[in-house]
Amino acid sequence: MKNRIIHNFPFLIVFQLLIFSVFSQQVEIRFNHLSINDGLSQSTVYSVIQDDDGFMWICTQDGLNKYDGYNVYQYKKQINNTNTISDSYVNTICKGHQGGLWIGTQRGLNYYDRKTQEFHHIKLSGQLDKINVGKIVADKKGRVWIGTVKYGLICYNYRDSTHQVFNINNGLPSNKIAD
């Protein structure tokens, strides 16, 4: 019996190696590069996400870009149009409630409503209305956490449009909150 196990041992090792090699095949991942030649508004990219419909949203120094796998659509600030983004210099983006998108620019916070396909500038009090947004995170309690370059961290509740500011005056080590 012992001799039989030792005799089959090399066969067992070869069999295991074959099984592992078959099941550990790597999946091929293809990636296409997008450039200005493909319709991207600018080549410096700050943030990228994929929405619930599969579109890729790309934040650049000269606009927000939506890529559907074939075409790039550009969204930029348009003077005298309140349903556009508040600034073309787009720093950050995150998914929010009901599939909408929170967008941070150098001149404020915006919300993109996928149903109406419109941008809404979020009005905050005083100097905070035109903040340079460095980072956005939406939580499950209906709040959006906004990291700013100059004014600290802002907790915005989109359900009642209230906000609270956290900065060096109430415990943060710095007013610069960004990636």
Foldseek 3Di string as FASTA:
>chain_A
DVVVCVVCVVVVVVVVVVVCVVVVDDDDDDDDDDDVVQPPPHHAWQEWDAFPVGWIWTAAQFFIWTHPPRHIDGFADDPPDQFGDPGRRWHEWDAEPPRWMWTFGQFAIWIQDPVVRTIHGQADDDPRSTFRFAYWDYDPVQWIWTFTQAFAIKIARPVVGDIDGDAPVHDDPHSGDHD
